[in-house]
């Protein structure tokens, strides 16, 4: 009746009309940069402020800058204003359904769920190392060691430890397999 349209979305994978997408991305980028360094600031009176106290200032700054709707912006090098913050590279293990891929995550991301929508996956091209020498380098995914003579699927992990073999950190797990007793834990 009034020309409104319902466009349902999910929390971490929104795909609606995209009107607020750029603003949300920019604010996420600002907050991500602040939180990643654990920013704390002491003013001239000795009071300590964290990043939350600066949010009104960043909102004012965002609302007063020129953006793609109010004018062109390129930095001095001719690069885009904002580059996507991607982690990786990760090795794709398999395609899960038609819209998701399972990736082999590094130790740093071991607590994350390894399945991602294909819309978030990009091919990796190694570049920019000379332009950004201080950029954090990611490590390669850990090698998968398959155990021969496995007695079947794992029921639960009993213990885990980190050891160093041949100069590399590795994790070892004591597991109990389904349909096995405690004396056959490996």
C-alpha atoms as a PDB file:
ATOM      1  CA  UNK A   1       0.000   0.000   0.000  1.00  0.00           C
ATOM      2  CA  UNK A   2       2.747   2.489   0.944  1.00  0.00           C
ATOM      3  CA  UNK A   3       5.384   0.973  -1.327  1.00  0.00           C
ATOM      4  CA  UNK A   4       7.233  -0.847   1.426  1.00  0.00           C
ATOM      5  CA  UNK A   5       8.858  -4.189   0.791  1.00  0.00           C
ATOM      6  CA  UNK A   6       9.799  -6.811   3.378  1.00  0.00           C
ATOM      7  CA  UNK A   7      13.328  -8.120   2.832  1.00  0.00           C
ATOM      8  CA  UNK A   8      14.230 -10.620   5.537  1.00  0.00           C
ATOM      9  CA  UNK A   9      17.870 -11.091   6.401  1.00  0.00           C
ATOM     10  CA  UNK A  10      20.150 -13.027   8.737  1.00  0.00           C
ATOM     11  CA  UNK A  11      22.503 -11.527  11.305  1.00  0.00           C
ATOM     12  CA  UNK A  12      25.875 -12.430   9.776  1.00  0.00           C
ATOM     13  CA  UNK A  13      24.908 -12.915   6.141  1.00  0.00           C
ATOM     14  CA  UNK A  14      22.605 -10.056   5.131  1.00  0.00           C
ATOM     15  CA  UNK A  15      21.436  -9.969   1.529  1.00  0.00           C
ATOM     16  CA  UNK A  16      18.615  -7.430   1.292  1.00  0.00           C
ATOM     17  CA  UNK A  17      18.453  -4.152  -0.655  1.00  0.00           C
ATOM     18  CA  UNK A  18      21.857  -2.923   0.619  1.00  0.00           C
ATOM     19  CA  UNK A  19      20.892   0.644   1.577  1.00  0.00           C
ATOM     20  CA  UNK A  20      22.641   0.549   4.954  1.00  0.00           C
ATOM     21  CA  UNK A  21      25.397  -1.882   3.937  1.00  0.00           C
ATOM     22  CA  UNK A  22      28.185   0.656   3.301  1.00  0.00           C
ATOM     23  CA  UNK A  23      27.476   2.596   6.490  1.00  0.00           C
ATOM     24  CA  UNK A  24      27.491  -0.606   8.556  1.00  0.00           C
ATOM     25  CA  UNK A  25      30.736  -1.756   6.898  1.00  0.00           C
ATOM     26  CA  UNK A  26      32.424   1.562   7.619  1.00  0.00           C
ATOM     27  CA  UNK A  27      31.358   1.634  11.261  1.00  0.00           C
ATOM     28  CA  UNK A  28      32.411  -2.019  11.678  1.00  0.00           C
ATOM     29  CA  UNK A  29      35.811  -1.143  10.198  1.00  0.00           C
ATOM     30  CA  UNK A  30      36.252   1.795  12.593  1.00  0.00           C
ATOM     31  CA  UNK A  31      35.267  -0.284  15.621  1.00  0.00           C
ATOM     32  CA  UNK A  32      37.407  -3.234  14.451  1.00  0.00           C
ATOM     33  CA  UNK A  33      40.460  -0.985  14.166  1.00  0.00           C
ATOM     34  CA  UNK A  34      39.863   0.467  17.623  1.00  0.00           C
ATOM     35  CA  UNK A  35      39.248  -2.887  19.316  1.00  0.00           C
ATOM     36  CA  UNK A  36      42.143  -4.682  17.623  1.00  0.00           C
ATOM     37  CA  UNK A  37      44.691  -2.475  19.358  1.00  0.00           C
ATOM     38  CA  UNK A  38      42.945  -2.402  22.748  1.00  0.00           C
ATOM     39  CA  UNK A  39      42.883   1.376  22.584  1.00  0.00           C
ATOM     40  CA  UNK A  40      42.976   3.173  25.917  1.00  0.00           C
ATOM     41  CA  UNK A  41      43.620   6.864  26.307  1.00  0.00           C
ATOM     42  CA  UNK A  42      44.464   9.068  29.296  1.00  0.00           C
ATOM     43  CA  UNK A  43      43.348  12.650  29.034  1.00  0.00           C
ATOM     44  CA  UNK A  44      45.112  15.673  30.548  1.00  0.00           C
ATOM     45  CA  UNK A  45      43.262  15.162  33.858  1.00  0.00           C
ATOM     46  CA  UNK A  46      44.447  11.550  34.174  1.00  0.00           C
ATOM     47  CA  UNK A  47      41.107   9.886  33.351  1.00  0.00           C
ATOM     48  CA  UNK A  48      41.298   6.668  31.335  1.00  0.00           C
ATOM     49  CA  UNK A  49      38.934   6.264  28.377  1.00  0.00           C
ATOM     50  CA  UNK A  50      38.369   3.190  26.247  1.00  0.00           C
ATOM     51  CA  UNK A  51      37.090   2.998  22.677  1.00  0.00           C
ATOM     52  CA  UNK A  52      33.414   3.190  23.730  1.00  0.00           C
ATOM     53  CA  UNK A  53      33.840   6.766  24.935  1.00  0.00           C
ATOM     54  CA  UNK A  54      35.035   7.765  21.454  1.00  0.00           C
ATOM     55  CA  UNK A  55      31.966   6.418  19.601  1.00  0.00           C
ATOM     56  CA  UNK A  56      30.104   9.779  19.535  1.00  0.00           C
ATOM     57  CA  UNK A  57      33.200  11.440  18.042  1.00  0.00           C
ATOM     58  CA  UNK A  58      33.508   8.748  15.374  1.00  0.00           C
ATOM     59  CA  UNK A  59      29.805   9.039  14.589  1.00  0.00           C
ATOM     60  CA  UNK A  60      30.231  12.795  14.112  1.00  0.00           C
ATOM     61  CA  UNK A  61      33.322  12.216  11.957  1.00  0.00           C
ATOM     62  CA  UNK A  62      31.495   9.677   9.796  1.00  0.00           C
ATOM     63  CA  UNK A  63      28.472  11.923   9.364  1.00  0.00           C
ATOM     64  CA  UNK A  64      30.598  14.896   8.222  1.00  0.00           C
ATOM     65  CA  UNK A  65      32.987  13.210   5.756  1.00  0.00           C
ATOM     66  CA  UNK A  66      32.479  13.033   2.022  1.00  0.00           C
ATOM     67  CA  UNK A  67      31.512   9.571   0.863  1.00  0.00           C
ATOM     68  CA  UNK A  68      30.507   7.917  -2.390  1.00  0.00           C
ATOM     69  CA  UNK A  69      27.092   9.588  -2.366  1.00  0.00           C
ATOM     70  CA  UNK A  70      28.463  13.089  -1.717  1.00  0.00           C
ATOM     71  CA  UNK A  71      31.688  13.048  -3.736  1.00  0.00           C
ATOM     72  CA  UNK A  72      34.672  11.106  -5.014  1.00  0.00           C
ATOM     73  CA  UNK A  73      37.427   9.936  -2.715  1.00  0.00           C
ATOM     74  CA  UNK A  74      40.796   8.392  -3.495  1.00  0.00           C
ATOM     75  CA  UNK A  75      43.811   8.488  -1.250  1.00  0.00           C
ATOM     76  CA  UNK A  76      47.190   9.794  -2.378  1.00  0.00           C
ATOM     77  CA  UNK A  77      48.217   6.451  -3.919  1.00  0.00           C
ATOM     78  CA  UNK A  78      45.064   6.213  -6.026  1.00  0.00           C
ATOM     79  CA  UNK A  79      43.827   3.218  -4.054  1.00  0.00           C
ATOM     80  CA  UNK A  80      40.243   2.779  -2.936  1.00  0.00           C
ATOM     81  CA  UNK A  81      39.132   4.398   0.302  1.00  0.00           C
ATOM     82  CA  UNK A  82      38.305   1.169   2.052  1.00  0.00           C
ATOM     83  CA  UNK A  83      39.649  -2.290   1.368  1.00  0.00           C
ATOM     84  CA  UNK A  84      37.947  -5.408   2.617  1.00  0.00           C
ATOM     85  CA  UNK A  85      39.529  -7.028   5.631  1.00  0.00           C
ATOM     86  CA  UNK A  86      39.950 -10.680   4.713  1.00  0.00           C
ATOM     87  CA  UNK A  87      41.668 -13.393   6.675  1.00  0.00           C
ATOM     88  CA  UNK A  88      43.463 -16.260   5.049  1.00  0.00           C
ATOM     89  CA  UNK A  89      44.472 -17.775   2.766  1.00  0.00           C
ATOM     90  CA  UNK A  90      42.652 -20.972   3.646  1.00  0.00           C
ATOM     91  CA  UNK A  91      42.508 -24.236   1.729  1.00  0.00           C
ATOM     92  CA  UNK A  92      39.041 -25.296   0.602  1.00  0.00           C
ATOM     93  CA  UNK A  93      38.382 -28.865   1.714  1.00  0.00           C
ATOM     94  CA  UNK A  94      34.997 -29.475   0.110  1.00  0.00           C
ATOM     95  CA  UNK A  95      31.820 -27.910  -1.177  1.00  0.00           C
ATOM     96  CA  UNK A  96      29.018 -28.294   1.372  1.00  0.00           C
ATOM     97  CA  UNK A  97      25.715 -28.095  -0.464  1.00  0.00           C
ATOM     98  CA  UNK A  98      25.487 -25.531  -3.247  1.00  0.00           C
ATOM     99  CA  UNK A  99      26.062 -22.360  -1.212  1.00  0.00           C
ATOM    100  CA  UNK A 100      28.790 -23.197   1.317  1.00  0.00           C
ATOM    101  CA  UNK A 101      32.390 -24.379   1.466  1.00  0.00           C
ATOM    102  CA  UNK A 102      34.339 -26.043   4.243  1.00  0.00           C
ATOM    103  CA  UNK A 103      37.842 -24.625   4.710  1.00  0.00           C
ATOM    104  CA  UNK A 104      40.893 -25.788   6.644  1.00  0.00           C
ATOM    105  CA  UNK A 105      41.392 -23.125   9.318  1.00  0.00           C
ATOM    106  CA  UNK A 106      44.732 -22.168  10.856  1.00  0.00           C
ATOM    107  CA  UNK A 107      45.474 -22.578  14.570  1.00  0.00           C
ATOM    108  CA  UNK A 108      44.538 -18.948  15.115  1.00  0.00           C
ATOM    109  CA  UNK A 109      40.964 -19.627  13.942  1.00  0.00           C
ATOM    110  CA  UNK A 110      40.599 -23.162  15.316  1.00  0.00           C
ATOM    111  CA  UNK A 111      37.584 -22.223  17.462  1.00  0.00           C
ATOM    112  CA  UNK A 112      35.629 -20.866  14.485  1.00  0.00           C
ATOM    113  CA  UNK A 113      33.146 -22.911  12.484  1.00  0.00           C
ATOM    114  CA  UNK A 114      34.903 -23.989   9.250  1.00  0.00           C
ATOM    115  CA  UNK A 115      31.891 -23.676   6.889  1.00  0.00           C
ATOM    116  CA  UNK A 116      31.341 -20.338   5.099  1.00  0.00           C
ATOM    117  CA  UNK A 117      28.947 -19.097   2.395  1.00  0.00           C
ATOM    118  CA  UNK A 118      30.482 -19.086  -1.083  1.00  0.00           C
ATOM    119  CA  UNK A 119      29.669 -15.371  -1.383  1.00  0.00           C
ATOM    120  CA  UNK A 120      32.376 -14.686   1.254  1.00  0.00           C
ATOM    121  CA  UNK A 121      35.106 -16.741  -0.469  1.00  0.00           C
ATOM    122  CA  UNK A 122      37.576 -15.053  -2.816  1.00  0.00           C
ATOM    123  CA  UNK A 123      40.570 -16.391  -4.742  1.00  0.00           C
ATOM    124  CA  UNK A 124      43.890 -15.550  -3.099  1.00  0.00           C
ATOM    125  CA  UNK A 125      46.514 -13.561  -4.994  1.00  0.00           C
ATOM    126  CA  UNK A 126      49.775 -12.801  -3.235  1.00  0.00           C
ATOM    127  CA  UNK A 127      50.542  -9.131  -3.742  1.00  0.00           C
ATOM    128  CA  UNK A 128      51.329  -5.954  -1.916  1.00  0.00           C
ATOM    129  CA  UNK A 129      54.173  -7.394   0.186  1.00  0.00           C
ATOM    130  CA  UNK A 130      56.507  -4.572  -0.891  1.00  0.00           C
ATOM    131  CA  UNK A 131      53.895  -1.847  -0.258  1.00  0.00           C
ATOM    132  CA  UNK A 132      52.937  -3.094   3.201  1.00  0.00           C
ATOM    133  CA  UNK A 133      55.984  -4.760   4.821  1.00  0.00           C
ATOM    134  CA  UNK A 134      54.569  -4.454   8.353  1.00  0.00           C
ATOM    135  CA  UNK A 135      51.325  -6.245   7.465  1.00  0.00           C
ATOM    136  CA  UNK A 136      50.676  -9.312   9.599  1.00  0.00           C
ATOM    137  CA  UNK A 137      51.553 -12.491   7.717  1.00  0.00           C
ATOM    138  CA  UNK A 138      49.261 -15.489   8.078  1.00  0.00           C
ATOM    139  CA  UNK A 139      50.569 -18.985   8.605  1.00  0.00           C
ATOM    140  CA  UNK A 140      49.752 -21.941   6.412  1.00  0.00           C
ATOM    141  CA  UNK A 141      47.036 -24.312   7.609  1.00  0.00           C
ATOM    142  CA  UNK A 142      48.252 -27.246   9.694  1.00  0.00           C
ATOM    143  CA  UNK A 143      48.877 -30.522   7.943  1.00  0.00           C
ATOM    144  CA  UNK A 144      46.205 -33.146   8.401  1.00  0.00           C
ATOM    145  CA  UNK A 145      47.614 -36.418   9.645  1.00  0.00           C
ATOM    146  CA  UNK A 146      45.337 -39.350   8.993  1.00  0.00           C
ATOM    147  CA  UNK A 147      45.546 -42.263  11.396  1.00  0.00           C
ATOM    148  CA  UNK A 148      45.579 -45.714   9.845  1.00  0.00           C
ATOM    149  CA  UNK A 149      43.592 -48.477  11.524  1.00  0.00           C
ATOM    150  CA  UNK A 150      41.106 -46.024  13.026  1.00  0.00           C
ATOM    151  CA  UNK A 151      38.469 -47.950  14.985  1.00  0.00           C
ATOM    152  CA  UNK A 152      35.653 -45.688  13.771  1.00  0.00           C
ATOM    153  CA  UNK A 153      34.141 -42.313  14.564  1.00  0.00           C
ATOM    154  CA  UNK A 154      35.239 -40.365  17.642  1.00  0.00           C
ATOM    155  CA  UNK A 155      32.752 -40.128  20.532  1.00  0.00           C
ATOM    156  CA  UNK A 156      34.612 -37.415  22.488  1.00  0.00           C
ATOM    157  CA  UNK A 157      38.018 -35.866  23.136  1.00  0.00           C
ATOM    158  CA  UNK A 158      39.296 -36.718  26.606  1.00  0.00           C
ATOM    159  CA  UNK A 159      42.544 -34.709  26.707  1.00  0.00           C
ATOM    160  CA  UNK A 160      44.494 -32.411  24.420  1.00  0.00           C
ATOM    161  CA  UNK A 161      48.101 -31.268  24.575  1.00  0.00           C
ATOM    162  CA  UNK A 162      50.476 -29.194  22.513  1.00  0.00           C
ATOM    163  CA  UNK A 163      53.939 -30.637  21.833  1.00  0.00           C
ATOM    164  CA  UNK A 164      56.901 -29.646  19.701  1.00  0.00           C
ATOM    165  CA  UNK A 165      58.095 -32.200  17.127  1.00  0.00           C
ATOM    166  CA  UNK A 166      60.856 -31.452  14.628  1.00  0.00           C
ATOM    167  CA  UNK A 167      60.688 -27.747  15.470  1.00  0.00           C
ATOM    168  CA  UNK A 168      56.934 -27.482  14.832  1.00  0.00           C
ATOM    169  CA  UNK A 169      54.124 -27.106  17.364  1.00  0.00           C
ATOM    170  CA  UNK A 170      51.582 -29.895  17.066  1.00  0.00           C
ATOM    171  CA  UNK A 171      48.456 -30.866  18.963  1.00  0.00           C
ATOM    172  CA  UNK A 172      47.819 -34.385  20.200  1.00  0.00           C
ATOM    173  CA  UNK A 173      44.460 -35.660  21.364  1.00  0.00           C
ATOM    174  CA  UNK A 174      43.411 -38.575  23.558  1.00  0.00           C
ATOM    175  CA  UNK A 175      40.064 -39.669  22.150  1.00  0.00           C
ATOM    176  CA  UNK A 176      37.420 -42.247  22.911  1.00  0.00           C
ATOM    177  CA  UNK A 177      35.851 -43.874  19.885  1.00  0.00           C
ATOM    178  CA  UNK A 178      32.216 -44.866  19.621  1.00  0.00           C
ATOM    179  CA  UNK A 179      31.512 -48.439  20.734  1.00  0.00           C
ATOM    180  CA  UNK A 180      34.900 -48.624  22.559  1.00  0.00           C
ATOM    181  CA  UNK A 181      35.756 -48.854  26.245  1.00  0.00           C
ATOM    182  CA  UNK A 182      38.163 -46.620  28.210  1.00  0.00           C
ATOM    183  CA  UNK A 183      41.024 -49.141  27.960  1.00  0.00           C
ATOM    184  CA  UNK A 184      41.095 -48.667  24.164  1.00  0.00           C
ATOM    185  CA  UNK A 185      41.484 -44.858  24.218  1.00  0.00           C
ATOM    186  CA  UNK A 186      44.072 -43.609  21.722  1.00  0.00           C
END
